[in-house]
Amino acid sequence: MASGSSGRRLVACLLNVSEAGRKDLVEAVAKAALYDANGKQRVWRDGTTVLNIFNDRDYNRSVITVVAGVDSISECRTAPSLVLSLP
């Protein structure tokens, strides 16, 4: 697929979580990838989306697929640490 200079550059990030049985925890990690902690208020990261959440109970693993613009995907690396501050 050709990419023009005016096109939006996207990148995918696969977050592997060693937990498949706790749906609330996996969803919290996914939400943390989508929102930036701005004090106590959650601010949506523009152009960031969760494409898929795959749970494998046999191996107790979950994989969260996040897509964002190249300039904002690095912010998703803080998602696991933000889980502690989610309600």
PDB file of N, CA and C in Angstrom:
ATOM      1  N   MET A   1       0.839  -1.176   0.000  1.00  0.00           N
ATOM      2  CA  MET A   1       0.000   0.000   0.000  1.00  0.00           C
ATOM      3  C   MET A   1       0.883   1.237   0.000  1.00  0.00           C
ATOM      4  N   ALA A   2       0.659   2.114  -0.929  1.00  0.00           N
ATOM      5  CA  ALA A   2       1.448   3.339  -1.032  1.00  0.00           C
ATOM      6  C   ALA A   2       0.968   4.358  -0.018  1.00  0.00           C
ATOM      7  N   SER A   3       1.898   5.159   0.446  1.00  0.00           N
ATOM      8  CA  SER A   3       1.563   6.182   1.429  1.00  0.00           C
ATOM      9  C   SER A   3       1.965   7.542   0.890  1.00  0.00           C
ATOM     10  N   GLY A   4       1.010   8.435   0.795  1.00  0.00           N
ATOM     11  CA  GLY A   4       1.300   9.784   0.355  1.00  0.00           C
ATOM     12  C   GLY A   4       1.726  10.649   1.528  1.00  0.00           C
ATOM     13  N   SER A   5       2.351  11.769   1.245  1.00  0.00           N
ATOM     14  CA  SER A   5       2.818  12.639   2.314  1.00  0.00           C
ATOM     15  C   SER A   5       1.664  13.288   3.068  1.00  0.00           C
ATOM     16  N   SER A   6       0.482  13.341   2.461  1.00  0.00           N
ATOM     17  CA  SER A   6      -0.660  13.955   3.127  1.00  0.00           C
ATOM     18  C   SER A   6      -1.459  12.956   3.958  1.00  0.00           C
ATOM     19  N   GLY A   7      -1.136  11.653   3.846  1.00  0.00           N
ATOM     20  CA  GLY A   7      -1.861  10.630   4.595  1.00  0.00           C
ATOM     21  C   GLY A   7      -1.459  10.608   6.060  1.00  0.00           C
ATOM     22  N   ARG A   8      -2.326  10.067   6.851  1.00  0.00           N
ATOM     23  CA  ARG A   8      -2.063   9.960   8.283  1.00  0.00           C
ATOM     24  C   ARG A   8      -1.243   8.709   8.548  1.00  0.00           C
ATOM     25  N   ARG A   9      -0.180   8.832   9.323  1.00  0.00           N
ATOM     26  CA  ARG A   9       0.674   7.695   9.652  1.00  0.00           C
ATOM     27  C   ARG A   9       0.183   7.068  10.946  1.00  0.00           C
ATOM     28  N   LEU A  10      -0.185   5.793  10.870  1.00  0.00           N
ATOM     29  CA  LEU A  10      -0.700   5.067  12.023  1.00  0.00           C
ATOM     30  C   LEU A  10       0.260   3.962  12.420  1.00  0.00           C
ATOM     31  N   VAL A  11       0.190   3.601  13.676  1.00  0.00           N
ATOM     32  CA  VAL A  11       1.005   2.513  14.196  1.00  0.00           C
ATOM     33  C   VAL A  11       0.155   1.726  15.191  1.00  0.00           C
ATOM     34  N   ALA A  12       0.421   0.424  15.272  1.00  0.00           N
ATOM     35  CA  ALA A  12      -0.306  -0.436  16.215  1.00  0.00           C
ATOM     36  C   ALA A  12       0.607  -0.807  17.371  1.00  0.00           C
ATOM     37  N   CYS A  13       0.022  -0.931  18.527  1.00  0.00           N
ATOM     38  CA  CYS A  13       0.737  -1.331  19.735  1.00  0.00           C
ATOM     39  C   CYS A  13      -0.021  -2.508  20.343  1.00  0.00           C
ATOM     40  N   LEU A  14       0.681  -3.610  20.590  1.00  0.00           N
ATOM     41  CA  LEU A  14       0.067  -4.785  21.210  1.00  0.00           C
ATOM     42  C   LEU A  14       0.482  -4.835  22.671  1.00  0.00           C
ATOM     43  N   LEU A  15      -0.487  -4.679  23.545  1.00  0.00           N
ATOM     44  CA  LEU A  15      -0.231  -4.745  24.984  1.00  0.00           C
ATOM     45  C   LEU A  15      -0.554  -6.150  25.460  1.00  0.00           C
ATOM     46  N   ASN A  16       0.438  -6.851  25.967  1.00  0.00           N
ATOM     47  CA  ASN A  16       0.250  -8.205  26.487  1.00  0.00           C
ATOM     48  C   ASN A  16       0.105  -8.131  27.996  1.00  0.00           C
ATOM     49  N   VAL A  17      -1.007  -8.643  28.491  1.00  0.00           N
ATOM     50  CA  VAL A  17      -1.304  -8.604  29.918  1.00  0.00           C
ATOM     51  C   VAL A  17      -1.405 -10.038  30.420  1.00  0.00           C
ATOM     52  N   SER A  18      -0.678 -10.340  31.474  1.00  0.00           N
ATOM     53  CA  SER A  18      -0.702 -11.702  32.035  1.00  0.00           C
ATOM     54  C   SER A  18      -1.915 -11.883  32.936  1.00  0.00           C
ATOM     55  N   GLU A  19      -3.067 -11.703  32.344  1.00  0.00           N
ATOM     56  CA  GLU A  19      -4.332 -11.839  33.070  1.00  0.00           C
ATOM     57  C   GLU A  19      -5.439 -11.997  32.046  1.00  0.00           C
ATOM     58  N   ALA A  20      -6.192 -13.065  32.138  1.00  0.00           N
ATOM     59  CA  ALA A  20      -7.325 -13.247  31.233  1.00  0.00           C
ATOM     60  C   ALA A  20      -8.623 -13.417  31.998  1.00  0.00           C
ATOM     61  N   GLY A  21      -8.526 -13.786  33.257  1.00  0.00           N
ATOM     62  CA  GLY A  21      -9.720 -14.059  34.043  1.00  0.00           C
ATOM     63  C   GLY A  21     -10.379 -12.825  34.634  1.00  0.00           C
ATOM     64  N   ARG A  22      -9.626 -11.732  34.761  1.00  0.00           N
ATOM     65  CA  ARG A  22     -10.182 -10.511  35.355  1.00  0.00           C
ATOM     66  C   ARG A  22     -10.501  -9.495  34.262  1.00  0.00           C
ATOM     67  N   LYS A  23     -11.712  -9.567  33.780  1.00  0.00           N
ATOM     68  CA  LYS A  23     -12.154  -8.684  32.702  1.00  0.00           C
ATOM     69  C   LYS A  23     -12.012  -7.214  33.098  1.00  0.00           C
ATOM     70  N   ASP A  24     -12.284  -6.890  34.355  1.00  0.00           N
ATOM     71  CA  ASP A  24     -12.199  -5.507  34.818  1.00  0.00           C
ATOM     72  C   ASP A  24     -10.777  -4.961  34.701  1.00  0.00           C
ATOM     73  N   LEU A  25      -9.786  -5.775  35.008  1.00  0.00           N
ATOM     74  CA  LEU A  25      -8.393  -5.340  34.921  1.00  0.00           C
ATOM     75  C   LEU A  25      -7.972  -5.118  33.471  1.00  0.00           C
ATOM     76  N   VAL A  26      -8.328  -6.042  32.598  1.00  0.00           N
ATOM     77  CA  VAL A  26      -7.974  -5.928  31.180  1.00  0.00           C
ATOM     78  C   VAL A  26      -8.642  -4.697  30.573  1.00  0.00           C
ATOM     79  N   GLU A  27      -9.892  -4.459  30.902  1.00  0.00           N
ATOM     80  CA  GLU A  27     -10.592  -3.275  30.394  1.00  0.00           C
ATOM     81  C   GLU A  27      -9.978  -1.994  30.945  1.00  0.00           C
ATOM     82  N   ALA A  28      -9.497  -2.022  32.178  1.00  0.00           N
ATOM     83  CA  ALA A  28      -8.851  -0.848  32.762  1.00  0.00           C
ATOM     84  C   ALA A  28      -7.566  -0.503  32.020  1.00  0.00           C
ATOM     85  N   VAL A  29      -6.800  -1.513  31.633  1.00  0.00           N
ATOM     86  CA  VAL A  29      -5.582  -1.270  30.849  1.00  0.00           C
ATOM     87  C   VAL A  29      -5.953  -0.673  29.492  1.00  0.00           C
ATOM     88  N   ALA A  30      -6.987  -1.208  28.851  1.00  0.00           N
ATOM     89  CA  ALA A  30      -7.429  -0.684  27.555  1.00  0.00           C
ATOM     90  C   ALA A  30      -7.887   0.768  27.680  1.00  0.00           C
ATOM     91  N   LYS A  31      -8.644   1.079  28.714  1.00  0.00           N
ATOM     92  CA  LYS A  31      -9.103   2.460  28.921  1.00  0.00           C
ATOM     93  C   LYS A  31      -7.936   3.394  29.195  1.00  0.00           C
ATOM     94  N   ALA A  32      -6.952   2.921  29.945  1.00  0.00           N
ATOM     95  CA  ALA A  32      -5.790   3.755  30.247  1.00  0.00           C
ATOM     96  C   ALA A  32      -5.006   4.090  28.985  1.00  0.00           C
ATOM     97  N   ALA A  33      -5.022   3.198  27.999  1.00  0.00           N
ATOM     98  CA  ALA A  33      -4.348   3.474  26.727  1.00  0.00           C
ATOM     99  C   ALA A  33      -5.082   4.551  25.935  1.00  0.00           C
ATOM    100  N   LEU A  34      -6.376   4.695  26.176  1.00  0.00           N
ATOM    101  CA  LEU A  34      -7.189   5.656  25.435  1.00  0.00           C
ATOM    102  C   LEU A  34      -7.248   7.031  26.071  1.00  0.00           C
ATOM    103  N   TYR A  35      -7.057   7.097  27.373  1.00  0.00           N
ATOM    104  CA  TYR A  35      -7.217   8.354  28.088  1.00  0.00           C
ATOM    105  C   TYR A  35      -5.922   8.780  28.745  1.00  0.00           C
ATOM    106  N   ASP A  36      -5.674  10.074  28.767  1.00  0.00           N
ATOM    107  CA  ASP A  36      -4.512  10.642  29.423  1.00  0.00           C
ATOM    108  C   ASP A  36      -4.952  11.136  30.794  1.00  0.00           C
ATOM    109  N   ALA A  37      -4.159  10.835  31.806  1.00  0.00           N
ATOM    110  CA  ALA A  37      -4.481  11.301  33.156  1.00  0.00           C
ATOM    111  C   ALA A  37      -4.038  12.753  33.278  1.00  0.00           C
ATOM    112  N   ASN A  38      -4.991  13.646  33.319  1.00  0.00           N
ATOM    113  CA  ASN A  38      -4.717  15.071  33.461  1.00  0.00           C
ATOM    114  C   ASN A  38      -5.236  15.478  34.826  1.00  0.00           C
ATOM    115  N   GLY A  39      -4.420  15.268  35.847  1.00  0.00           N
ATOM    116  CA  GLY A  39      -4.896  15.452  37.200  1.00  0.00           C
ATOM    117  C   GLY A  39      -5.880  14.352  37.507  1.00  0.00           C
ATOM    118  N   LYS A  40      -7.099  14.707  37.894  1.00  0.00           N
ATOM    119  CA  LYS A  40      -8.122  13.704  38.181  1.00  0.00           C
ATOM    120  C   LYS A  40      -9.075  13.517  37.012  1.00  0.00           C
ATOM    121  N   GLN A  41      -8.930  14.355  36.002  1.00  0.00           N
ATOM    122  CA  GLN A  41      -9.817  14.288  34.844  1.00  0.00           C
ATOM    123  C   GLN A  41      -9.178  13.437  33.751  1.00  0.00           C
ATOM    124  N   ARG A  42      -9.983  12.595  33.121  1.00  0.00           N
ATOM    125  CA  ARG A  42      -9.505  11.776  32.005  1.00  0.00           C
ATOM    126  C   ARG A  42      -9.737  12.533  30.699  1.00  0.00           C
ATOM    127  N   VAL A  43      -8.688  12.658  29.907  1.00  0.00           N
ATOM    128  CA  VAL A  43      -8.770  13.357  28.633  1.00  0.00           C
ATOM    129  C   VAL A  43      -8.526  12.343  27.523  1.00  0.00           C
ATOM    130  N   TRP A  44      -9.467  12.268  26.583  1.00  0.00           N
ATOM    131  CA  TRP A  44      -9.381  11.328  25.468  1.00  0.00           C
ATOM    132  C   TRP A  44      -8.166  11.661  24.613  1.00  0.00           C
ATOM    133  N   ARG A  45      -7.372  10.650  24.289  1.00  0.00           N
ATOM    134  CA  ARG A  45      -6.244  10.825  23.373  1.00  0.00           C
ATOM    135  C   ARG A  45      -6.795  10.810  21.952  1.00  0.00           C
ATOM    136  N   ASP A  46      -6.744  11.933  21.289  1.00  0.00           N
ATOM    137  CA  ASP A  46      -7.305  12.071  19.948  1.00  0.00           C
ATOM    138  C   ASP A  46      -6.649  11.094  18.976  1.00  0.00           C
ATOM    139  N   GLY A  47      -7.464  10.377  18.229  1.00  0.00           N
ATOM    140  CA  GLY A  47      -6.961   9.475  17.212  1.00  0.00           C
ATOM    141  C   GLY A  47      -6.486   8.131  17.720  1.00  0.00           C
ATOM    142  N   THR A  48      -6.731   7.824  18.976  1.00  0.00           N
ATOM    143  CA  THR A  48      -6.317   6.550  19.559  1.00  0.00           C
ATOM    144  C   THR A  48      -7.543   5.666  19.737  1.00  0.00           C
ATOM    145  N   THR A  49      -7.420   4.407  19.359  1.00  0.00           N
ATOM    146  CA  THR A  49      -8.543   3.488  19.503  1.00  0.00           C
ATOM    147  C   THR A  49      -8.054   2.087  19.845  1.00  0.00           C
ATOM    148  N   VAL A  50      -8.895   1.340  20.529  1.00  0.00           N
ATOM    149  CA  VAL A  50      -8.636  -0.074  20.797  1.00  0.00           C
ATOM    150  C   VAL A  50      -9.346  -0.863  19.703  1.00  0.00           C
ATOM    151  N   LEU A  51      -8.580  -1.608  18.916  1.00  0.00           N
ATOM    152  CA  LEU A  51      -9.166  -2.399  17.835  1.00  0.00           C
ATOM    153  C   LEU A  51      -9.693  -3.738  18.316  1.00  0.00           C
ATOM    154  N   ASN A  52      -8.982  -4.341  19.272  1.00  0.00           N
ATOM    155  CA  ASN A  52      -9.352  -5.688  19.685  1.00  0.00           C
ATOM    156  C   ASN A  52      -8.808  -5.991  21.075  1.00  0.00           C
ATOM    157  N   ILE A  53      -9.552  -6.809  21.803  1.00  0.00           N
ATOM    158  CA  ILE A  53      -9.078  -7.386  23.063  1.00  0.00           C
ATOM    159  C   ILE A  53      -9.281  -8.886  22.943  1.00  0.00           C
ATOM    160  N   PHE A  54      -8.177  -9.625  22.997  1.00  0.00           N
ATOM    161  CA  PHE A  54      -8.221 -11.079  22.893  1.00  0.00           C
ATOM    162  C   PHE A  54      -7.846 -11.674  24.243  1.00  0.00           C
ATOM    163  N   ASN A  55      -8.716 -12.529  24.777  1.00  0.00           N
ATOM    164  CA  ASN A  55      -8.457 -13.207  26.047  1.00  0.00           C
ATOM    165  C   ASN A  55      -8.253 -14.696  25.801  1.00  0.00           C
ATOM    166  N   ASP A  56      -7.157 -15.227  26.313  1.00  0.00           N
ATOM    167  CA  ASP A  56      -6.865 -16.657  26.216  1.00  0.00           C
ATOM    168  C   ASP A  56      -6.807 -17.212  27.636  1.00  0.00           C
ATOM    169  N   ARG A  57      -7.923 -17.747  28.084  1.00  0.00           N
ATOM    170  CA  ARG A  57      -8.008 -18.253  29.459  1.00  0.00           C
ATOM    171  C   ARG A  57      -7.103 -19.457  29.700  1.00  0.00           C
ATOM    172  N   ASP A  58      -6.850 -20.263  28.665  1.00  0.00           N
ATOM    173  CA  ASP A  58      -5.973 -21.428  28.827  1.00  0.00           C
ATOM    174  C   ASP A  58      -4.564 -21.021  29.242  1.00  0.00           C
ATOM    175  N   TYR A  59      -4.090 -19.906  28.707  1.00  0.00           N
ATOM    176  CA  TYR A  59      -2.739 -19.436  29.015  1.00  0.00           C
ATOM    177  C   TYR A  59      -2.740 -18.211  29.926  1.00  0.00           C
ATOM    178  N   ASN A  60      -3.921 -17.790  30.378  1.00  0.00           N
ATOM    179  CA  ASN A  60      -4.077 -16.632  31.254  1.00  0.00           C
ATOM    180  C   ASN A  60      -3.393 -15.391  30.675  1.00  0.00           C
ATOM    181  N   ARG A  61      -3.667 -15.117  29.411  1.00  0.00           N
ATOM    182  CA  ARG A  61      -3.082 -13.969  28.733  1.00  0.00           C
ATOM    183  C   ARG A  61      -4.171 -13.190  28.016  1.00  0.00           C
ATOM    184  N   SER A  62      -3.975 -11.879  27.962  1.00  0.00           N
ATOM    185  CA  SER A  62      -4.834 -11.006  27.169  1.00  0.00           C
ATOM    186  C   SER A  62      -3.941 -10.141  26.298  1.00  0.00           C
ATOM    187  N   VAL A  63      -4.386  -9.895  25.080  1.00  0.00           N
ATOM    188  CA  VAL A  63      -3.662  -9.014  24.167  1.00  0.00           C
ATOM    189  C   VAL A  63      -4.620  -7.905  23.753  1.00  0.00           C
ATOM    190  N   ILE A  64      -4.193  -6.669  23.966  1.00  0.00           N
ATOM    191  CA  ILE A  64      -4.988  -5.492  23.628  1.00  0.00           C
ATOM    192  C   ILE A  64      -4.303  -4.814  22.447  1.00  0.00           C
ATOM    193  N   THR A  65      -5.027  -4.635  21.343  1.00  0.00           N
ATOM    194  CA  THR A  65      -4.466  -3.986  20.156  1.00  0.00           C
ATOM    195  C   THR A  65      -4.921  -2.531  20.133  1.00  0.00           C
ATOM    196  N   VAL A  66      -3.960  -1.624  20.221  1.00  0.00           N
ATOM    197  CA  VAL A  66      -4.223  -0.190  20.231  1.00  0.00           C
ATOM    198  C   VAL A  66      -3.628   0.407  18.959  1.00  0.00           C
ATOM    199  N   VAL A  67      -4.377   1.294  18.304  1.00  0.00           N
ATOM    200  CA  VAL A  67      -3.893   1.993  17.118  1.00  0.00           C
ATOM    201  C   VAL A  67      -3.970   3.489  17.385  1.00  0.00           C
ATOM    202  N   ALA A  68      -2.909   4.187  16.953  1.00  0.00           N
ATOM    203  CA  ALA A  68      -2.865   5.642  17.143  1.00  0.00           C
ATOM    204  C   ALA A  68      -1.947   6.241  16.093  1.00  0.00           C
ATOM    205  N   GLY A  69      -1.955   7.560  16.031  1.00  0.00           N
ATOM    206  CA  GLY A  69      -1.017   8.245  15.161  1.00  0.00           C
ATOM    207  C   GLY A  69       0.400   8.050  15.672  1.00  0.00           C
ATOM    208  N   VAL A  70       1.359   8.100  14.765  1.00  0.00           N
ATOM    209  CA  VAL A  70       2.760   7.893  15.127  1.00  0.00           C
ATOM    210  C   VAL A  70       3.186   8.842  16.248  1.00  0.00           C
ATOM    211  N   ASP A  71       2.696  10.057  16.231  1.00  0.00           N
ATOM    212  CA  ASP A  71       3.114  11.044  17.223  1.00  0.00           C
ATOM    213  C   ASP A  71       2.543  10.800  18.613  1.00  0.00           C
ATOM    214  N   SER A  72       1.466  10.035  18.725  1.00  0.00           N
ATOM    215  CA  SER A  72       0.842   9.859  20.039  1.00  0.00           C
ATOM    216  C   SER A  72       0.937   8.450  20.609  1.00  0.00           C
ATOM    217  N   ILE A  73       1.412   7.467  19.845  1.00  0.00           N
ATOM    218  CA  ILE A  73       1.419   6.093  20.339  1.00  0.00           C
ATOM    219  C   ILE A  73       2.360   5.919  21.526  1.00  0.00           C
ATOM    220  N   SER A  74       3.420   6.706  21.602  1.00  0.00           N
ATOM    221  CA  SER A  74       4.357   6.542  22.715  1.00  0.00           C
ATOM    222  C   SER A  74       3.690   6.817  24.057  1.00  0.00           C
ATOM    223  N   GLU A  75       2.626   7.606  24.059  1.00  0.00           N
ATOM    224  CA  GLU A  75       1.905   7.880  25.296  1.00  0.00           C
ATOM    225  C   GLU A  75       1.215   6.636  25.837  1.00  0.00           C
ATOM    226  N   CYS A  76       0.907   5.682  24.981  1.00  0.00           N
ATOM    227  CA  CYS A  76       0.224   4.462  25.413  1.00  0.00           C
ATOM    228  C   CYS A  76       1.111   3.576  26.280  1.00  0.00           C
ATOM    229  N   ARG A  77       2.398   3.794  26.241  1.00  0.00           N
ATOM    230  CA  ARG A  77       3.296   2.963  27.054  1.00  0.00           C
ATOM    231  C   ARG A  77       3.055   3.166  28.543  1.00  0.00           C
ATOM    232  N   THR A  78       2.425   4.275  28.914  1.00  0.00           N
ATOM    233  CA  THR A  78       2.139   4.533  30.323  1.00  0.00           C
ATOM    234  C   THR A  78       0.836   3.890  30.773  1.00  0.00           C
ATOM    235  N   ALA A  79       0.129   3.241  29.867  1.00  0.00           N
ATOM    236  CA  ALA A  79      -1.185   2.674  30.188  1.00  0.00           C
ATOM    237  C   ALA A  79      -1.173   1.759  31.408  1.00  0.00           C
ATOM    238  N   PRO A  80      -0.260   0.791  31.504  1.00  0.00           N
ATOM    239  CA  PRO A  80      -0.301  -0.096  32.675  1.00  0.00           C
ATOM    240  C   PRO A  80      -0.131   0.643  34.001  1.00  0.00           C
ATOM    241  N   SER A  81       0.694   1.680  34.036  1.00  0.00           N
ATOM    242  CA  SER A  81       0.881   2.405  35.292  1.00  0.00           C
ATOM    243  C   SER A  81      -0.335   3.251  35.652  1.00  0.00           C
ATOM    244  N   LEU A  82      -1.134   3.635  34.666  1.00  0.00           N
ATOM    245  CA  LEU A  82      -2.329   4.430  34.930  1.00  0.00           C
ATOM    246  C   LEU A  82      -3.476   3.599  35.485  1.00  0.00           C
ATOM    247  N   VAL A  83      -3.388   2.290  35.351  1.00  0.00           N
ATOM    248  CA  VAL A  83      -4.467   1.418  35.814  1.00  0.00           C
ATOM    249  C   VAL A  83      -4.709   1.601  37.304  1.00  0.00           C
ATOM    250  N   LEU A  84      -3.676   1.821  38.052  1.00  0.00           N
ATOM    251  CA  LEU A  84      -3.813   1.970  39.499  1.00  0.00           C
ATOM    252  C   LEU A  84      -4.680   3.159  39.877  1.00  0.00           C
ATOM    253  N   SER A  85      -4.746   4.176  39.002  1.00  0.00           N
ATOM    254  CA  SER A  85      -5.528   5.362  39.334  1.00  0.00           C
ATOM    255  C   SER A  85      -6.952   5.324  38.792  1.00  0.00           C
ATOM    256  N   LEU A  86      -7.335   4.253  38.094  1.00  0.00           N
ATOM    257  CA  LEU A  86      -8.700   4.146  37.576  1.00  0.00           C
ATOM    258  C   LEU A  86      -9.654   3.697  38.671  1.00  0.00           C
ATOM    259  N   PRO A  87     -10.899   4.203  38.614  1.00  0.00           N
ATOM    260  CA  PRO A  87     -11.883   3.777  39.631  1.00  0.00           C
ATOM    261  C   PRO A  87     -12.288   2.328  39.459  1.00  0.00           C
TER     262      PRO A  87
END
